[in-house]
Amino acid sequence: MRWPGNVPAGRVSNELVHEVDFFTTLVTAAGGTVPTDRQIDGMDMSSFLLGADEDSGRDMVLCLQGNRLQAAKWRQWKVHLFQQDDFYSTWAPTNVPILYNLEWDPREEHQVDFPHAWVLHPVAAGAGAFLKSLAVEPPIRPGTPDPYVPPEPGELQPQTHLQIGPIMQYITTLVRSHDEPPDPGHGIEHQSG
């Protein structure tokens, strides 16, 4: 990051900053206002980048490939849920998550085993919270009319039907909340006889 007179030159840090943080950070730096009527993935990193804070405030980055949660990075740990040898190769789910300590092994050449399996708990919690947030406010679909109007708070309620895998993947439906139960007939008439 280079911004003469604002960002300290020559500063090195191992703190996490994700590309989604650029939106909120740049909007704030330009004097704008980040929308508050919808969920925003990015965090404002201004204080960290300008040198006021030593910590970025982010400890997890999720690696999505399309709609698939491929991997997650939590602090210095990275968990792979799918095996893919290179960019062009096909992927396959792993039976057990593959875990690396990027501080010891930045090239991900030596996976760590059972003694470090405790890392899966905070990774699963963070990934699960993110996936549930997608159910509460789904991503904006391409072609959505502008201006976008997000659902009202509480308008859509997630109903989780199944939990699978070591990291919680959800099959979720969104239903509108009702003050009273819907009519069981739902307007469908049945012929008698």
Protein backbone atom coordinates (compact mmCIF):
# COMPACT_ATOMS: atom_id res chain seq x y z
CA MET A 1 0.00 0.00 0.00
CA ARG A 2 1.50 3.32 -1.00
CA TRP A 3 0.09 6.72 -0.07
CA PRO A 4 2.94 9.20 0.59
CA GLY A 5 2.38 11.30 3.67
CA ASN A 6 -0.39 9.03 4.98
CA VAL A 7 0.65 5.36 4.92
CA PRO A 8 3.96 4.81 6.76
CA ALA A 9 6.67 3.79 4.27
CA GLY A 10 8.60 0.55 4.75
CA ARG A 11 6.15 -0.96 7.25
CA VAL A 12 5.89 -4.77 7.17
CA SER A 13 3.06 -6.77 8.75
CA ASN A 14 1.68 -10.31 8.72
CA GLU A 15 -1.84 -9.07 9.49
CA LEU A 16 -4.68 -10.15 7.21
CA VAL A 17 -6.31 -7.73 4.80
CA HIS A 18 -8.71 -9.09 2.18
CA GLU A 19 -9.46 -7.63 -1.24
CA VAL A 20 -13.10 -7.07 -0.17
CA ASP A 21 -11.75 -4.63 2.43
CA PHE A 22 -10.69 -2.20 -0.32
CA PHE A 23 -14.28 -1.05 -0.95
CA THR A 24 -14.99 0.06 2.61
CA THR A 25 -11.46 1.38 3.13
CA LEU A 26 -11.37 3.47 -0.06
CA VAL A 27 -14.91 4.80 0.41
CA THR A 28 -13.97 5.91 3.93
CA ALA A 29 -10.63 7.37 2.80
CA ALA A 30 -12.42 9.40 0.10
CA GLY A 31 -14.85 10.80 2.68
CA GLY A 32 -17.80 8.73 1.49
CA THR A 33 -20.28 6.67 3.46
CA VAL A 34 -20.55 2.89 3.30
CA PRO A 35 -24.18 1.73 2.87
CA THR A 36 -25.79 0.55 6.11
CA ASP A 37 -28.97 -0.93 4.62
CA ARG A 38 -27.23 -4.17 3.56
CA GLN A 39 -24.45 -6.48 4.69
CA ILE A 40 -21.01 -5.45 3.47
CA ASP A 41 -18.26 -8.08 3.55
CA GLY A 42 -15.36 -5.64 3.68
CA MET A 43 -13.92 -4.07 6.79
CA ASP A 44 -12.58 -0.51 7.01
CA MET A 45 -8.80 -0.93 7.25
CA SER A 46 -8.01 2.81 7.41
CA SER A 47 -6.71 2.80 10.99
CA PHE A 48 -4.51 -0.22 10.32
CA LEU A 49 -3.11 1.00 6.99
CA LEU A 50 -2.49 4.53 8.27
CA GLY A 51 -0.49 3.10 11.18
CA ALA A 52 -2.87 3.96 14.04
CA ASP A 53 -3.59 0.26 14.77
CA GLU A 54 -1.14 -2.63 14.84
CA ASP A 55 -3.90 -5.20 14.25
CA SER A 56 -6.03 -5.25 11.11
CA GLY A 57 -9.04 -6.67 12.96
CA ARG A 58 -9.44 -9.48 10.43
CA ASP A 59 -8.44 -13.00 11.40
CA MET A 60 -10.18 -15.03 8.65
CA VAL A 61 -10.35 -15.09 4.87
CA LEU A 62 -12.63 -17.53 3.05
CA CYS A 63 -11.51 -18.82 -0.35
CA LEU A 64 -14.55 -19.35 -2.55
CA GLN A 65 -14.46 -20.92 -6.00
CA GLY A 66 -17.76 -19.89 -7.51
CA ASN A 67 -20.33 -20.96 -4.90
CA ARG A 68 -18.03 -23.58 -3.35
CA LEU A 69 -16.10 -22.96 -0.14
CA GLN A 70 -12.72 -24.27 -1.28
CA ALA A 71 -10.50 -23.25 1.63
CA ALA A 72 -10.27 -20.96 4.62
CA LYS A 73 -7.37 -19.06 6.16
CA TRP A 74 -7.54 -18.35 9.88
CA ARG A 75 -4.58 -16.49 11.39
CA GLN A 76 -1.51 -18.41 10.18
CA TRP A 77 -3.49 -21.58 9.38
CA LYS A 78 -5.02 -22.62 6.06
CA VAL A 79 -7.58 -25.41 5.68
CA HIS A 80 -8.29 -26.95 2.26
CA LEU A 81 -11.64 -28.71 1.78
CA PHE A 82 -10.99 -29.69 -1.85
CA GLN A 83 -7.89 -30.99 -3.61
CA GLN A 84 -6.88 -29.15 -6.76
CA ASP A 85 -3.31 -29.50 -8.05
CA ASP A 86 -3.24 -26.37 -10.20
CA PHE A 87 -5.50 -23.73 -11.69
CA TYR A 88 -6.49 -25.87 -14.68
CA SER A 89 -6.93 -29.22 -12.94
CA THR A 90 -10.23 -30.61 -11.73
CA TRP A 91 -11.08 -30.53 -8.04
CA ALA A 92 -12.22 -33.25 -5.67
CA PRO A 93 -13.51 -33.03 -2.10
CA THR A 94 -11.10 -34.31 0.53
CA ASN A 95 -12.15 -36.97 3.06
CA VAL A 96 -10.43 -35.00 5.82
CA PRO A 97 -9.56 -31.30 5.59
CA ILE A 98 -5.94 -30.63 4.66
CA LEU A 99 -4.29 -28.26 7.13
CA TYR A 100 -1.15 -26.12 6.70
CA ASN A 101 0.64 -23.69 8.99
CA LEU A 102 1.62 -20.88 6.63
CA GLU A 103 4.02 -19.38 9.14
CA TRP A 104 6.15 -22.55 9.07
CA ASP A 105 5.28 -23.60 5.53
CA PRO A 106 4.26 -20.67 3.28
CA ARG A 107 4.43 -22.84 0.14
CA GLU A 108 1.96 -25.39 1.57
CA GLU A 109 4.28 -28.34 1.00
CA HIS A 110 3.88 -30.16 4.36
CA GLN A 111 0.42 -30.62 5.81
CA VAL A 112 0.08 -30.83 9.58
CA ASP A 113 -1.85 -33.60 11.26
CA PHE A 114 -3.94 -34.47 14.30
CA PRO A 115 -2.17 -32.43 17.02
CA HIS A 116 -3.29 -29.26 15.24
CA ALA A 117 -6.85 -30.41 14.43
CA TRP A 118 -8.15 -27.94 17.03
CA VAL A 119 -7.78 -25.28 14.31
CA LEU A 120 -10.81 -26.75 12.53
CA HIS A 121 -13.13 -25.53 15.31
CA PRO A 122 -12.58 -21.75 14.88
CA VAL A 123 -12.42 -22.17 11.09
CA ALA A 124 -15.75 -24.04 11.07
CA ALA A 125 -17.33 -21.40 13.32
CA GLY A 126 -16.20 -18.53 11.08
CA ALA A 127 -17.15 -20.30 7.85
CA GLY A 128 -20.50 -21.33 9.30
CA ALA A 129 -21.31 -17.78 10.37
CA PHE A 130 -20.49 -16.50 6.88
CA LEU A 131 -22.58 -19.17 5.15
CA LYS A 132 -25.54 -18.43 7.43
CA SER A 133 -25.21 -14.72 6.62
CA LEU A 134 -25.67 -15.61 2.94
CA ALA A 135 -28.97 -17.22 3.84
CA VAL A 136 -30.16 -14.13 5.74
CA GLU A 137 -29.19 -11.79 2.92
CA PRO A 138 -28.42 -13.67 -0.30
CA PRO A 139 -25.79 -12.29 -2.69
CA ILE A 140 -27.15 -9.84 -5.24
CA ARG A 141 -27.83 -11.76 -8.45
CA PRO A 142 -26.42 -10.51 -11.76
CA GLY A 143 -29.05 -8.49 -13.62
CA THR A 144 -30.76 -7.25 -10.46
CA PRO A 145 -32.38 -3.85 -11.16
CA ASP A 146 -30.62 -0.76 -9.88
CA PRO A 147 -31.13 0.68 -7.35
CA TYR A 148 -30.89 -2.53 -5.34
CA VAL A 149 -33.34 -2.80 -2.46
CA PRO A 150 -32.20 -5.34 0.16
CA PRO A 151 -34.73 -7.39 2.11
CA GLU A 152 -36.07 -5.75 5.26
CA PRO A 153 -34.51 -6.99 8.52
CA GLY A 154 -36.32 -10.17 9.50
CA GLU A 155 -38.12 -10.42 6.14
CA LEU A 156 -36.23 -13.57 5.15
CA GLN A 157 -35.57 -16.29 7.70
CA PRO A 158 -33.06 -19.08 7.05
CA GLN A 159 -34.19 -22.64 7.66
CA THR A 160 -31.28 -25.05 7.71
CA HIS A 161 -32.25 -28.52 6.56
CA LEU A 162 -28.96 -30.38 6.53
CA GLN A 163 -25.43 -29.95 7.80
CA ILE A 164 -22.71 -31.85 5.97
CA GLY A 165 -18.93 -31.96 5.95
CA PRO A 166 -16.25 -30.92 8.42
CA ILE A 167 -16.92 -27.27 7.64
CA MET A 168 -20.62 -26.56 7.91
CA GLN A 169 -22.10 -26.45 4.42
CA TYR A 170 -25.80 -25.62 4.54
CA ILE A 171 -28.71 -26.54 2.40
CA THR A 172 -30.91 -23.62 3.29
CA THR A 173 -34.17 -22.20 2.12
CA LEU A 174 -35.35 -18.67 2.71
CA VAL A 175 -38.88 -18.11 3.86
CA ARG A 176 -40.76 -14.92 4.51
CA SER A 177 -41.78 -14.46 8.11
CA HIS A 178 -45.54 -14.36 8.77
CA ASP A 179 -47.58 -12.98 11.62
CA GLU A 180 -49.93 -15.92 11.28
CA PRO A 181 -49.50 -19.37 9.73
CA PRO A 182 -50.21 -19.51 5.98
CA ASP A 183 -53.38 -21.16 4.70
CA PRO A 184 -52.59 -24.88 4.37
CA GLY A 185 -54.46 -25.03 1.06
CA HIS A 186 -52.28 -22.29 -0.46
CA GLY A 187 -55.14 -21.54 -2.88
CA ILE A 188 -55.05 -25.00 -4.47
CA GLU A 189 -58.48 -26.49 -5.09
CA HIS A 190 -58.87 -30.27 -5.15
CA GLN A 191 -61.51 -31.99 -7.24
CA SER A 192 -63.69 -34.38 -5.27
CA GLY A 193 -64.61 -37.86 -6.48
